[in-house]
């Protein structure tokens, strides 16, 4: 048995969970925040049999497509301290996709 943690973009969460549920996977959602953009994402947690791991990968790959998005960075001050103005720098980043961790499960019980 395996425990899968999949960190997915918030915009992809509902599609991914719906598709996983259609295939009879039980999914637990955990709200999480990414470190780079400080944007919300969701960590999905699934317990699956070893032979089901690839099927989960395929579903996540289908539902969590990578895409480019323009984000505005946190402002930083410019100029002298008497007249501080803030500059917002738009940057293009890749969002979506999934970061997936697969761990061995030593024991599992549903109580």
PDB file of N, CA and C in Angstrom:
ATOM      1  N   UNK A   1       0.848  -1.176   0.000  1.00  0.00           N
ATOM      2  CA  UNK A   1       0.000   0.000   0.000  1.00  0.00           C
ATOM      3  C   UNK A   1       0.891   1.236   0.000  1.00  0.00           C
ATOM      4  N   UNK A   2       0.398   2.293  -0.647  1.00  0.00           N
ATOM      5  CA  UNK A   2       1.128   3.555  -0.765  1.00  0.00           C
ATOM      6  C   UNK A   2       0.269   4.705  -0.259  1.00  0.00           C
ATOM      7  N   UNK A   3       0.944   5.729   0.251  1.00  0.00           N
ATOM      8  CA  UNK A   3       0.301   6.986   0.620  1.00  0.00           C
ATOM      9  C   UNK A   3       0.810   8.027  -0.359  1.00  0.00           C
ATOM     10  N   UNK A   4      -0.109   8.672  -1.064  1.00  0.00           N
ATOM     11  CA  UNK A   4       0.253   9.680  -2.059  1.00  0.00           C
ATOM     12  C   UNK A   4      -0.130  11.055  -1.536  1.00  0.00           C
ATOM     13  N   UNK A   5       0.840  11.972  -1.564  1.00  0.00           N
ATOM     14  CA  UNK A   5       0.593  13.389  -1.315  1.00  0.00           C
ATOM     15  C   UNK A   5       0.790  14.089  -2.652  1.00  0.00           C
ATOM     16  N   UNK A   6      -0.218  14.809  -3.122  1.00  0.00           N
ATOM     17  CA  UNK A   6      -0.117  15.537  -4.382  1.00  0.00           C
ATOM     18  C   UNK A   6      -0.459  16.998  -4.126  1.00  0.00           C
ATOM     19  N   UNK A   7       0.499  17.876  -4.363  1.00  0.00           N
ATOM     20  CA  UNK A   7       0.283  19.313  -4.194  1.00  0.00           C
ATOM     21  C   UNK A   7      -0.156  19.858  -5.550  1.00  0.00           C
ATOM     22  N   UNK A   8      -1.389  20.392  -5.597  1.00  0.00           N
ATOM     23  CA  UNK A   8      -1.951  20.873  -6.859  1.00  0.00           C
ATOM     24  C   UNK A   8      -2.430  22.318  -6.709  1.00  0.00           C
ATOM     25  N   UNK A   9      -2.496  23.028  -7.819  1.00  0.00           N
ATOM     26  CA  UNK A   9      -2.975  24.409  -7.851  1.00  0.00           C
ATOM     27  C   UNK A   9      -4.455  24.422  -7.469  1.00  0.00           C
ATOM     28  N   UNK A  10      -4.868  25.426  -6.713  1.00  0.00           N
ATOM     29  CA  UNK A  10      -6.269  25.519  -6.286  1.00  0.00           C
ATOM     30  C   UNK A  10      -7.249  25.426  -7.458  1.00  0.00           C
ATOM     31  N   UNK A  11      -6.888  26.016  -8.593  1.00  0.00           N
ATOM     32  CA  UNK A  11      -7.788  26.002  -9.752  1.00  0.00           C
ATOM     33  C   UNK A  11      -8.009  24.596 -10.305  1.00  0.00           C
ATOM     34  N   UNK A  12      -7.095  23.673 -10.023  1.00  0.00           N
ATOM     35  CA  UNK A  12      -7.187  22.311 -10.551  1.00  0.00           C
ATOM     36  C   UNK A  12      -7.789  21.320  -9.557  1.00  0.00           C
ATOM     37  N   UNK A  13      -7.966  21.738  -8.326  1.00  0.00           N
ATOM     38  CA  UNK A  13      -8.361  20.812  -7.263  1.00  0.00           C
ATOM     39  C   UNK A  13      -9.689  20.125  -7.529  1.00  0.00           C
ATOM     40  N   UNK A  14     -10.731  20.885  -7.825  1.00  0.00           N
ATOM     41  CA  UNK A  14     -12.060  20.284  -7.998  1.00  0.00           C
ATOM     42  C   UNK A  14     -12.096  19.277  -9.138  1.00  0.00           C
ATOM     43  N   UNK A  15     -11.464  19.619 -10.275  1.00  0.00           N
ATOM     44  CA  UNK A  15     -11.435  18.688 -11.410  1.00  0.00           C
ATOM     45  C   UNK A  15     -10.710  17.402 -11.035  1.00  0.00           C
ATOM     46  N   UNK A  16      -9.571  17.547 -10.376  1.00  0.00           N
ATOM     47  CA  UNK A  16      -8.777  16.370 -10.014  1.00  0.00           C
ATOM     48  C   UNK A  16      -9.527  15.482  -9.026  1.00  0.00           C
ATOM     49  N   UNK A  17     -10.113  16.081  -7.995  1.00  0.00           N
ATOM     50  CA  UNK A  17     -10.838  15.300  -6.986  1.00  0.00           C
ATOM     51  C   UNK A  17     -12.053  14.622  -7.613  1.00  0.00           C
ATOM     52  N   UNK A  18     -12.780  15.332  -8.458  1.00  0.00           N
ATOM     53  CA  UNK A  18     -13.955  14.750  -9.111  1.00  0.00           C
ATOM     54  C   UNK A  18     -13.555  13.516  -9.932  1.00  0.00           C
ATOM     55  N   UNK A  19     -12.478  13.650 -10.706  1.00  0.00           N
ATOM     56  CA  UNK A  19     -12.025  12.537 -11.545  1.00  0.00           C
ATOM     57  C   UNK A  19     -11.534  11.366 -10.681  1.00  0.00           C
ATOM     58  N   UNK A  20     -10.790  11.658  -9.623  1.00  0.00           N
ATOM     59  CA  UNK A  20     -10.323  10.603  -8.721  1.00  0.00           C
ATOM     60  C   UNK A  20     -11.502   9.889  -8.066  1.00  0.00           C
ATOM     61  N   UNK A  21     -12.505  10.660  -7.632  1.00  0.00           N
ATOM     62  CA  UNK A  21     -13.698  10.056  -7.022  1.00  0.00           C
ATOM     63  C   UNK A  21     -14.468   9.183  -8.013  1.00  0.00           C
ATOM     64  N   UNK A  22     -14.542   9.623  -9.272  1.00  0.00           N
ATOM     65  CA  UNK A  22     -15.212   8.817 -10.298  1.00  0.00           C
ATOM     66  C   UNK A  22     -14.547   7.456 -10.458  1.00  0.00           C
ATOM     67  N   UNK A  23     -13.236   7.411 -10.230  1.00  0.00           N
ATOM     68  CA  UNK A  23     -12.483   6.154 -10.332  1.00  0.00           C
ATOM     69  C   UNK A  23     -12.420   5.425  -8.991  1.00  0.00           C
ATOM     70  N   UNK A  24     -13.247   5.874  -8.039  1.00  0.00           N
ATOM     71  CA  UNK A  24     -13.407   5.230  -6.722  1.00  0.00           C
ATOM     72  C   UNK A  24     -12.218   5.416  -5.782  1.00  0.00           C
ATOM     73  N   UNK A  25     -11.420   6.470  -5.986  1.00  0.00           N
ATOM     74  CA  UNK A  25     -10.350   6.803  -5.046  1.00  0.00           C
ATOM     75  C   UNK A  25     -10.916   7.719  -3.970  1.00  0.00           C
ATOM     76  N   UNK A  26     -10.574   7.436  -2.737  1.00  0.00           N
ATOM     77  CA  UNK A  26     -10.946   8.321  -1.629  1.00  0.00           C
ATOM     78  C   UNK A  26      -9.837   9.356  -1.482  1.00  0.00           C
ATOM     79  N   UNK A  27     -10.235  10.616  -1.362  1.00  0.00           N
ATOM     80  CA  UNK A  27      -9.266  11.712  -1.336  1.00  0.00           C
ATOM     81  C   UNK A  27      -9.531  12.604  -0.134  1.00  0.00           C
ATOM     82  N   UNK A  28      -8.468  12.971   0.571  1.00  0.00           N
ATOM     83  CA  UNK A  28      -8.554  13.973   1.633  1.00  0.00           C
ATOM     84  C   UNK A  28      -7.854  15.226   1.135  1.00  0.00           C
ATOM     85  N   UNK A  29      -8.510  16.379   1.273  1.00  0.00           N
ATOM     86  CA  UNK A  29      -7.941  17.669   0.852  1.00  0.00           C
ATOM     87  C   UNK A  29      -7.373  18.400   2.059  1.00  0.00           C
ATOM     88  N   UNK A  30      -6.205  18.974   1.881  1.00  0.00           N
ATOM     89  CA  UNK A  30      -5.597  19.821   2.904  1.00  0.00           C
ATOM     90  C   UNK A  30      -5.231  21.147   2.256  1.00  0.00           C
ATOM     91  N   UNK A  31      -5.668  22.253   2.825  1.00  0.00           N
ATOM     92  CA  UNK A  31      -5.273  23.558   2.295  1.00  0.00           C
ATOM     93  C   UNK A  31      -3.809  23.790   2.612  1.00  0.00           C
ATOM     94  N   UNK A  32      -3.077  24.327   1.640  1.00  0.00           N
ATOM     95  CA  UNK A  32      -1.656  24.600   1.840  1.00  0.00           C
ATOM     96  C   UNK A  32      -1.291  25.856   1.062  1.00  0.00           C
ATOM     97  N   UNK A  33      -0.114  26.381   1.332  1.00  0.00           N
ATOM     98  CA  UNK A  33       0.349  27.596   0.676  1.00  0.00           C
ATOM     99  C   UNK A  33       1.743  27.370   0.135  1.00  0.00           C
ATOM    100  N   UNK A  34       1.947  27.753  -1.122  1.00  0.00           N
ATOM    101  CA  UNK A  34       3.261  27.606  -1.738  1.00  0.00           C
ATOM    102  C   UNK A  34       4.225  28.661  -1.230  1.00  0.00           C
ATOM    103  N   UNK A  35       5.488  28.329  -1.221  1.00  0.00           N
ATOM    104  CA  UNK A  35       6.508  29.229  -0.697  1.00  0.00           C
ATOM    105  C   UNK A  35       6.913  30.335  -1.650  1.00  0.00           C
ATOM    106  N   UNK A  36       6.970  30.062  -2.970  1.00  0.00           N
ATOM    107  CA  UNK A  36       7.489  31.047  -3.916  1.00  0.00           C
ATOM    108  C   UNK A  36       6.491  32.173  -4.168  1.00  0.00           C
ATOM    109  N   UNK A  37       5.299  31.849  -4.610  1.00  0.00           N
ATOM    110  CA  UNK A  37       4.298  32.875  -4.919  1.00  0.00           C
ATOM    111  C   UNK A  37       3.376  33.176  -3.748  1.00  0.00           C
ATOM    112  N   UNK A  38       3.480  32.386  -2.694  1.00  0.00           N
ATOM    113  CA  UNK A  38       2.627  32.535  -1.514  1.00  0.00           C
ATOM    114  C   UNK A  38       1.150  32.490  -1.898  1.00  0.00           C
ATOM    115  N   UNK A  39       0.824  31.641  -2.836  1.00  0.00           N
ATOM    116  CA  UNK A  39      -0.549  31.466  -3.287  1.00  0.00           C
ATOM    117  C   UNK A  39      -1.089  30.158  -2.726  1.00  0.00           C
ATOM    118  N   UNK A  40      -2.402  30.094  -2.634  1.00  0.00           N
ATOM    119  CA  UNK A  40      -3.028  28.889  -2.124  1.00  0.00           C
ATOM    120  C   UNK A  40      -2.909  27.727  -3.087  1.00  0.00           C
ATOM    121  N   UNK A  41      -2.715  26.577  -2.520  1.00  0.00           N
ATOM    122  CA  UNK A  41      -2.802  25.346  -3.287  1.00  0.00           C
ATOM    123  C   UNK A  41      -3.441  24.308  -2.384  1.00  0.00           C
ATOM    124  N   UNK A  42      -3.607  23.136  -2.888  1.00  0.00           N
ATOM    125  CA  UNK A  42      -4.249  22.077  -2.124  1.00  0.00           C
ATOM    126  C   UNK A  42      -3.358  20.852  -2.143  1.00  0.00           C
ATOM    127  N   UNK A  43      -3.196  20.232  -0.995  1.00  0.00           N
ATOM    128  CA  UNK A  43      -2.470  18.975  -0.923  1.00  0.00           C
ATOM    129  C   UNK A  43      -3.508  17.865  -0.818  1.00  0.00           C
ATOM    130  N   UNK A  44      -3.496  16.983  -1.804  1.00  0.00           N
ATOM    131  CA  UNK A  44      -4.402  15.841  -1.813  1.00  0.00           C
ATOM    132  C   UNK A  44      -3.689  14.653  -1.187  1.00  0.00           C
ATOM    133  N   UNK A  45      -4.396  13.911  -0.376  1.00  0.00           N
ATOM    134  CA  UNK A  45      -3.824  12.752   0.297  1.00  0.00           C
ATOM    135  C   UNK A  45      -4.671  11.534  -0.061  1.00  0.00           C
ATOM    136  N   UNK A  46      -4.019  10.491  -0.581  1.00  0.00           N
ATOM    137  CA  UNK A  46      -4.724   9.277  -0.998  1.00  0.00           C
ATOM    138  C   UNK A  46      -3.969   8.047  -0.522  1.00  0.00           C
ATOM    139  N   UNK A  47      -4.690   7.071  -0.028  1.00  0.00           N
ATOM    140  CA  UNK A  47      -4.114   5.764   0.252  1.00  0.00           C
ATOM    141  C   UNK A  47      -4.536   4.826  -0.859  1.00  0.00           C
ATOM    142  N   UNK A  48      -3.563   4.224  -1.560  1.00  0.00           N
ATOM    143  CA  UNK A  48      -3.883   3.363  -2.706  1.00  0.00           C
ATOM    144  C   UNK A  48      -3.038   2.096  -2.667  1.00  0.00           C
ATOM    145  N   UNK A  49      -3.496   1.100  -3.390  1.00  0.00           N
ATOM    146  CA  UNK A  49      -2.706  -0.118  -3.560  1.00  0.00           C
ATOM    147  C   UNK A  49      -1.549   0.183  -4.510  1.00  0.00           C
ATOM    148  N   UNK A  50      -0.473  -0.576  -4.391  1.00  0.00           N
ATOM    149  CA  UNK A  50       0.727  -0.335  -5.200  1.00  0.00           C
ATOM    150  C   UNK A  50       0.416  -0.236  -6.696  1.00  0.00           C
ATOM    151  N   UNK A  51      -0.449  -1.116  -7.185  1.00  0.00           N
ATOM    152  CA  UNK A  51      -0.736  -1.153  -8.619  1.00  0.00           C
ATOM    153  C   UNK A  51      -1.618   0.010  -9.079  1.00  0.00           C
ATOM    154  N   UNK A  52      -2.140   0.823  -8.162  1.00  0.00           N
ATOM    155  CA  UNK A  52      -2.996   1.956  -8.526  1.00  0.00           C
ATOM    156  C   UNK A  52      -2.232   3.275  -8.646  1.00  0.00           C
ATOM    157  N   UNK A  53      -0.969   3.288  -8.264  1.00  0.00           N
ATOM    158  CA  UNK A  53      -0.190   4.533  -8.257  1.00  0.00           C
ATOM    159  C   UNK A  53      -0.140   5.150  -9.652  1.00  0.00           C
ATOM    160  N   UNK A  54       0.129   4.350 -10.671  1.00  0.00           N
ATOM    161  CA  UNK A  54       0.223   4.881 -12.037  1.00  0.00           C
ATOM    162  C   UNK A  54      -1.095   5.480 -12.506  1.00  0.00           C
ATOM    163  N   UNK A  55      -2.202   4.872 -12.121  1.00  0.00           N
ATOM    164  CA  UNK A  55      -3.513   5.407 -12.502  1.00  0.00           C
ATOM    165  C   UNK A  55      -3.733   6.787 -11.884  1.00  0.00           C
ATOM    166  N   UNK A  56      -3.321   6.961 -10.628  1.00  0.00           N
ATOM    167  CA  UNK A  56      -3.424   8.269  -9.973  1.00  0.00           C
ATOM    168  C   UNK A  56      -2.544   9.282 -10.704  1.00  0.00           C
ATOM    169  N   UNK A  57      -1.319   8.894 -11.067  1.00  0.00           N
ATOM    170  CA  UNK A  57      -0.437   9.787 -11.823  1.00  0.00           C
ATOM    171  C   UNK A  57      -1.107  10.241 -13.121  1.00  0.00           C
ATOM    172  N   UNK A  58      -1.718   9.309 -13.839  1.00  0.00           N
ATOM    173  CA  UNK A  58      -2.362   9.640 -15.115  1.00  0.00           C
ATOM    174  C   UNK A  58      -3.508  10.628 -14.922  1.00  0.00           C
ATOM    175  N   UNK A  59      -4.307  10.426 -13.886  1.00  0.00           N
ATOM    176  CA  UNK A  59      -5.429  11.334 -13.612  1.00  0.00           C
ATOM    177  C   UNK A  59      -4.906  12.724 -13.268  1.00  0.00           C
ATOM    178  N   UNK A  60      -3.893  12.799 -12.412  1.00  0.00           N
ATOM    179  CA  UNK A  60      -3.338  14.098 -12.030  1.00  0.00           C
ATOM    180  C   UNK A  60      -2.720  14.802 -13.230  1.00  0.00           C
ATOM    181  N   UNK A  61      -2.042  14.048 -14.079  1.00  0.00           N
ATOM    182  CA  UNK A  61      -1.436  14.655 -15.262  1.00  0.00           C
ATOM    183  C   UNK A  61      -2.511  15.211 -16.200  1.00  0.00           C
ATOM    184  N   UNK A  62      -3.615  14.508 -16.314  1.00  0.00           N
ATOM    185  CA  UNK A  62      -4.712  14.951 -17.177  1.00  0.00           C
ATOM    186  C   UNK A  62      -5.421  16.185 -16.621  1.00  0.00           C
ATOM    187  N   UNK A  63      -5.643  16.228 -15.317  1.00  0.00           N
ATOM    188  CA  UNK A  63      -6.459  17.285 -14.709  1.00  0.00           C
ATOM    189  C   UNK A  63      -5.661  18.486 -14.201  1.00  0.00           C
ATOM    190  N   UNK A  64      -4.371  18.351 -14.058  1.00  0.00           N
ATOM    191  CA  UNK A  64      -3.546  19.423 -13.476  1.00  0.00           C
ATOM    192  C   UNK A  64      -2.520  19.906 -14.491  1.00  0.00           C
ATOM    193  N   UNK A  65      -2.999  20.416 -15.613  1.00  0.00           N
ATOM    194  CA  UNK A  65      -2.114  20.837 -16.694  1.00  0.00           C
ATOM    195  C   UNK A  65      -1.292  22.061 -16.292  1.00  0.00           C
ATOM    196  N   UNK A  66      -0.031  22.075 -16.714  1.00  0.00           N
ATOM    197  CA  UNK A  66       0.818  23.250 -16.489  1.00  0.00           C
ATOM    198  C   UNK A  66       0.419  24.338 -17.473  1.00  0.00           C
ATOM    199  N   UNK A  67       0.519  25.585 -17.022  1.00  0.00           N
ATOM    200  CA  UNK A  67       0.202  26.715 -17.879  1.00  0.00           C
ATOM    201  C   UNK A  67       0.972  27.940 -17.398  1.00  0.00           C
ATOM    202  N   UNK A  68       1.125  28.913 -18.275  1.00  0.00           N
ATOM    203  CA  UNK A  68       1.822  30.154 -17.931  1.00  0.00           C
ATOM    204  C   UNK A  68       0.802  31.158 -17.421  1.00  0.00           C
ATOM    205  N   UNK A  69       1.231  31.952 -16.437  1.00  0.00           N
ATOM    206  CA  UNK A  69       0.342  32.946 -15.845  1.00  0.00           C
ATOM    207  C   UNK A  69       1.201  34.138 -15.420  1.00  0.00           C
ATOM    208  N   UNK A  70       0.666  35.340 -15.585  1.00  0.00           N
ATOM    209  CA  UNK A  70       1.390  36.536 -15.155  1.00  0.00           C
ATOM    210  C   UNK A  70       0.999  36.834 -13.716  1.00  0.00           C
ATOM    211  N   UNK A  71       1.992  36.945 -12.861  1.00  0.00           N
ATOM    212  CA  UNK A  71       1.788  37.269 -11.447  1.00  0.00           C
ATOM    213  C   UNK A  71       2.478  38.595 -11.161  1.00  0.00           C
ATOM    214  N   UNK A  72       1.943  39.330 -10.222  1.00  0.00           N
ATOM    215  CA  UNK A  72       2.566  40.588  -9.802  1.00  0.00           C
ATOM    216  C   UNK A  72       3.267  40.321  -8.480  1.00  0.00           C
ATOM    217  N   UNK A  73       4.567  40.629  -8.449  1.00  0.00           N
ATOM    218  CA  UNK A  73       5.353  40.356  -7.256  1.00  0.00           C
ATOM    219  C   UNK A  73       5.047  41.353  -6.150  1.00  0.00           C
ATOM    220  N   UNK A  74       5.449  41.018  -4.952  1.00  0.00           N
ATOM    221  CA  UNK A  74       5.301  41.908  -3.806  1.00  0.00           C
ATOM    222  C   UNK A  74       6.106  43.176  -4.064  1.00  0.00           C
ATOM    223  N   UNK A  75       5.535  44.334  -3.764  1.00  0.00           N
ATOM    224  CA  UNK A  75       6.248  45.580  -4.052  1.00  0.00           C
ATOM    225  C   UNK A  75       7.486  45.756  -3.186  1.00  0.00           C
ATOM    226  N   UNK A  76       8.430  46.496  -3.730  1.00  0.00           N
ATOM    227  CA  UNK A  76       9.603  46.878  -2.956  1.00  0.00           C
ATOM    228  C   UNK A  76       9.795  48.383  -3.124  1.00  0.00           C
ATOM    229  N   UNK A  77      10.293  49.058  -2.077  1.00  0.00           N
ATOM    230  CA  UNK A  77      10.424  50.517  -2.147  1.00  0.00           C
ATOM    231  C   UNK A  77      11.521  50.948  -3.112  1.00  0.00           C
ATOM    232  N   UNK A  78      11.283  52.095  -3.780  1.00  0.00           N
ATOM    233  CA  UNK A  78      12.284  52.709  -4.638  1.00  0.00           C
ATOM    234  C   UNK A  78      12.451  54.160  -4.214  1.00  0.00           C
ATOM    235  N   UNK A  79      13.616  54.697  -4.462  1.00  0.00           N
ATOM    236  CA  UNK A  79      13.853  56.106  -4.170  1.00  0.00           C
ATOM    237  C   UNK A  79      14.281  56.326  -2.734  1.00  0.00           C
ATOM    238  N   UNK A  80      14.391  57.607  -2.360  1.00  0.00           N
ATOM    239  CA  UNK A  80      14.804  57.903  -0.987  1.00  0.00           C
ATOM    240  C   UNK A  80      13.628  57.707  -0.041  1.00  0.00           C
ATOM    241  N   UNK A  81      13.915  57.714   1.236  1.00  0.00           N
ATOM    242  CA  UNK A  81      12.896  57.397   2.227  1.00  0.00           C
ATOM    243  C   UNK A  81      11.821  58.469   2.355  1.00  0.00           C
ATOM    244  N   UNK A  82      12.107  59.718   1.922  1.00  0.00           N
ATOM    245  CA  UNK A  82      11.109  60.771   2.059  1.00  0.00           C
ATOM    246  C   UNK A  82       9.976  60.616   1.040  1.00  0.00           C
ATOM    247  N   UNK A  83      10.266  60.017  -0.101  1.00  0.00           N
ATOM    248  CA  UNK A  83       9.246  59.832  -1.134  1.00  0.00           C
ATOM    249  C   UNK A  83       9.302  58.390  -1.628  1.00  0.00           C
ATOM    250  N   UNK A  84       8.848  57.489  -0.802  1.00  0.00           N
ATOM    251  CA  UNK A  84       8.894  56.077  -1.185  1.00  0.00           C
ATOM    252  C   UNK A  84       7.765  55.789  -2.172  1.00  0.00           C
ATOM    253  N   UNK A  85       8.128  55.202  -3.262  1.00  0.00           N
ATOM    254  CA  UNK A  85       7.122  54.698  -4.197  1.00  0.00           C
ATOM    255  C   UNK A  85       7.348  53.194  -4.317  1.00  0.00           C
ATOM    256  N   UNK A  86       6.333  52.507  -4.703  1.00  0.00           N
ATOM    257  CA  UNK A  86       6.444  51.059  -4.797  1.00  0.00           C
ATOM    258  C   UNK A  86       6.337  50.626  -6.248  1.00  0.00           C
ATOM    259  N   UNK A  87       7.187  49.696  -6.624  1.00  0.00           N
ATOM    260  CA  UNK A  87       7.146  49.142  -7.974  1.00  0.00           C
ATOM    261  C   UNK A  87       6.618  47.719  -7.909  1.00  0.00           C
ATOM    262  N   UNK A  88       5.677  47.441  -8.753  1.00  0.00           N
ATOM    263  CA  UNK A  88       5.158  46.084  -8.878  1.00  0.00           C
ATOM    264  C   UNK A  88       5.753  45.498 -10.154  1.00  0.00           C
ATOM    265  N   UNK A  89       6.363  44.363 -10.034  1.00  0.00           N
ATOM    266  CA  UNK A  89       7.011  43.744 -11.177  1.00  0.00           C
ATOM    267  C   UNK A  89       6.181  42.547 -11.639  1.00  0.00           C
ATOM    268  N   UNK A  90       5.579  42.631 -12.831  1.00  0.00           N
ATOM    269  CA  UNK A  90       4.866  41.456 -13.336  1.00  0.00           C
ATOM    270  C   UNK A  90       5.872  40.422 -13.846  1.00  0.00           C
ATOM    271  N   UNK A  91       5.680  39.179 -13.454  1.00  0.00           N
ATOM    272  CA  UNK A  91       6.541  38.110 -13.938  1.00  0.00           C
ATOM    273  C   UNK A  91       5.656  36.981 -14.466  1.00  0.00           C
ATOM    274  N   UNK A  92       6.151  36.307 -15.473  1.00  0.00           N
ATOM    275  CA  UNK A  92       5.438  35.158 -16.015  1.00  0.00           C
ATOM    276  C   UNK A  92       5.951  33.913 -15.310  1.00  0.00           C
ATOM    277  N   UNK A  93       5.032  33.158 -14.736  1.00  0.00           N
ATOM    278  CA  UNK A  93       5.406  31.940 -14.017  1.00  0.00           C
ATOM    279  C   UNK A  93       4.589  30.772 -14.561  1.00  0.00           C
ATOM    280  N   UNK A  94       5.114  29.587 -14.345  1.00  0.00           N
ATOM    281  CA  UNK A  94       4.381  28.382 -14.717  1.00  0.00           C
ATOM    282  C   UNK A  94       3.598  27.911 -13.503  1.00  0.00           C
ATOM    283  N   UNK A  95       2.302  27.743 -13.659  1.00  0.00           N
ATOM    284  CA  UNK A  95       1.454  27.249 -12.574  1.00  0.00           C
ATOM    285  C   UNK A  95       0.795  25.957 -13.041  1.00  0.00           C
ATOM    286  N   UNK A  96       0.141  25.313 -12.120  1.00  0.00           N
ATOM    287  CA  UNK A  96      -0.502  24.054 -12.445  1.00  0.00           C
ATOM    288  C   UNK A  96       0.460  22.904 -12.278  1.00  0.00           C
ATOM    289  N   UNK A  97       0.110  21.805 -12.867  1.00  0.00           N
ATOM    290  CA  UNK A  97       0.904  20.604 -12.661  1.00  0.00           C
ATOM    291  C   UNK A  97       0.656  20.087 -11.254  1.00  0.00           C
ATOM    292  N   UNK A  98       1.431  19.143 -10.857  1.00  0.00           N
ATOM    293  CA  UNK A  98       1.304  18.586  -9.512  1.00  0.00           C
ATOM    294  C   UNK A  98       2.674  18.135  -9.046  1.00  0.00           C
ATOM    295  N   UNK A  99       2.932  18.332  -7.777  1.00  0.00           N
ATOM    296  CA  UNK A  99       4.128  17.777  -7.152  1.00  0.00           C
ATOM    297  C   UNK A  99       3.647  16.612  -6.311  1.00  0.00           C
ATOM    298  N   UNK A 100       4.139  15.419  -6.634  1.00  0.00           N
ATOM    299  CA  UNK A 100       3.587  14.205  -6.041  1.00  0.00           C
ATOM    300  C   UNK A 100       4.656  13.451  -5.256  1.00  0.00           C
ATOM    301  N   UNK A 101       4.297  13.068  -4.042  1.00  0.00           N
ATOM    302  CA  UNK A 101       5.159  12.263  -3.181  1.00  0.00           C
ATOM    303  C   UNK A 101       4.456  10.933  -2.938  1.00  0.00           C
ATOM    304  N   UNK A 102       5.181   9.848  -3.049  1.00  0.00           N
ATOM    305  CA  UNK A 102       4.620   8.516  -2.807  1.00  0.00           C
ATOM    306  C   UNK A 102       5.425   7.861  -1.694  1.00  0.00           C
ATOM    307  N   UNK A 103       4.713   7.456  -0.627  1.00  0.00           N
ATOM    308  CA  UNK A 103       5.371   6.839   0.528  1.00  0.00           C
ATOM    309  C   UNK A 103       4.827   5.434   0.757  1.00  0.00           C
ATOM    310  N   UNK A 104       5.680   4.573   1.268  1.00  0.00           N
ATOM    311  CA  UNK A 104       5.233   3.235   1.655  1.00  0.00           C
ATOM    312  C   UNK A 104       4.411   3.328   2.931  1.00  0.00           C
ATOM    313  N   UNK A 105       3.367   2.523   3.017  1.00  0.00           N
ATOM    314  CA  UNK A 105       2.514   2.477   4.203  1.00  0.00           C
ATOM    315  C   UNK A 105       2.806   1.169   4.928  1.00  0.00           C
ATOM    316  N   UNK A 106       3.221   1.285   6.170  1.00  0.00           N
ATOM    317  CA  UNK A 106       3.527   0.096   6.958  1.00  0.00           C
ATOM    318  C   UNK A 106       2.256  -0.590   7.439  1.00  0.00           C
ATOM    319  N   UNK A 107       1.281   0.212   7.855  1.00  0.00           N
ATOM    320  CA  UNK A 107       0.040  -0.351   8.363  1.00  0.00           C
ATOM    321  C   UNK A 107      -1.095   0.618   8.069  1.00  0.00           C
ATOM    322  N   UNK A 108      -2.279   0.066   7.811  1.00  0.00           N
ATOM    323  CA  UNK A 108      -3.448   0.887   7.521  1.00  0.00           C
ATOM    324  C   UNK A 108      -4.658   0.254   8.195  1.00  0.00           C
ATOM    325  N   UNK A 109      -5.426   1.072   8.915  1.00  0.00           N
ATOM    326  CA  UNK A 109      -6.669   0.613   9.541  1.00  0.00           C
ATOM    327  C   UNK A 109      -7.712   1.696   9.393  1.00  0.00           C
ATOM    328  N   UNK A 110      -8.936   1.294   9.105  1.00  0.00           N
ATOM    329  CA  UNK A 110     -10.058   2.223   9.092  1.00  0.00           C
ATOM    330  C   UNK A 110     -10.868   1.917  10.343  1.00  0.00           C
ATOM    331  N   UNK A 111     -10.938   2.867  11.272  1.00  0.00           N
ATOM    332  CA  UNK A 111     -11.588   2.636  12.574  1.00  0.00           C
ATOM    333  C   UNK A 111     -12.892   3.412  12.649  1.00  0.00           C
TER     334      UNK A 111
END
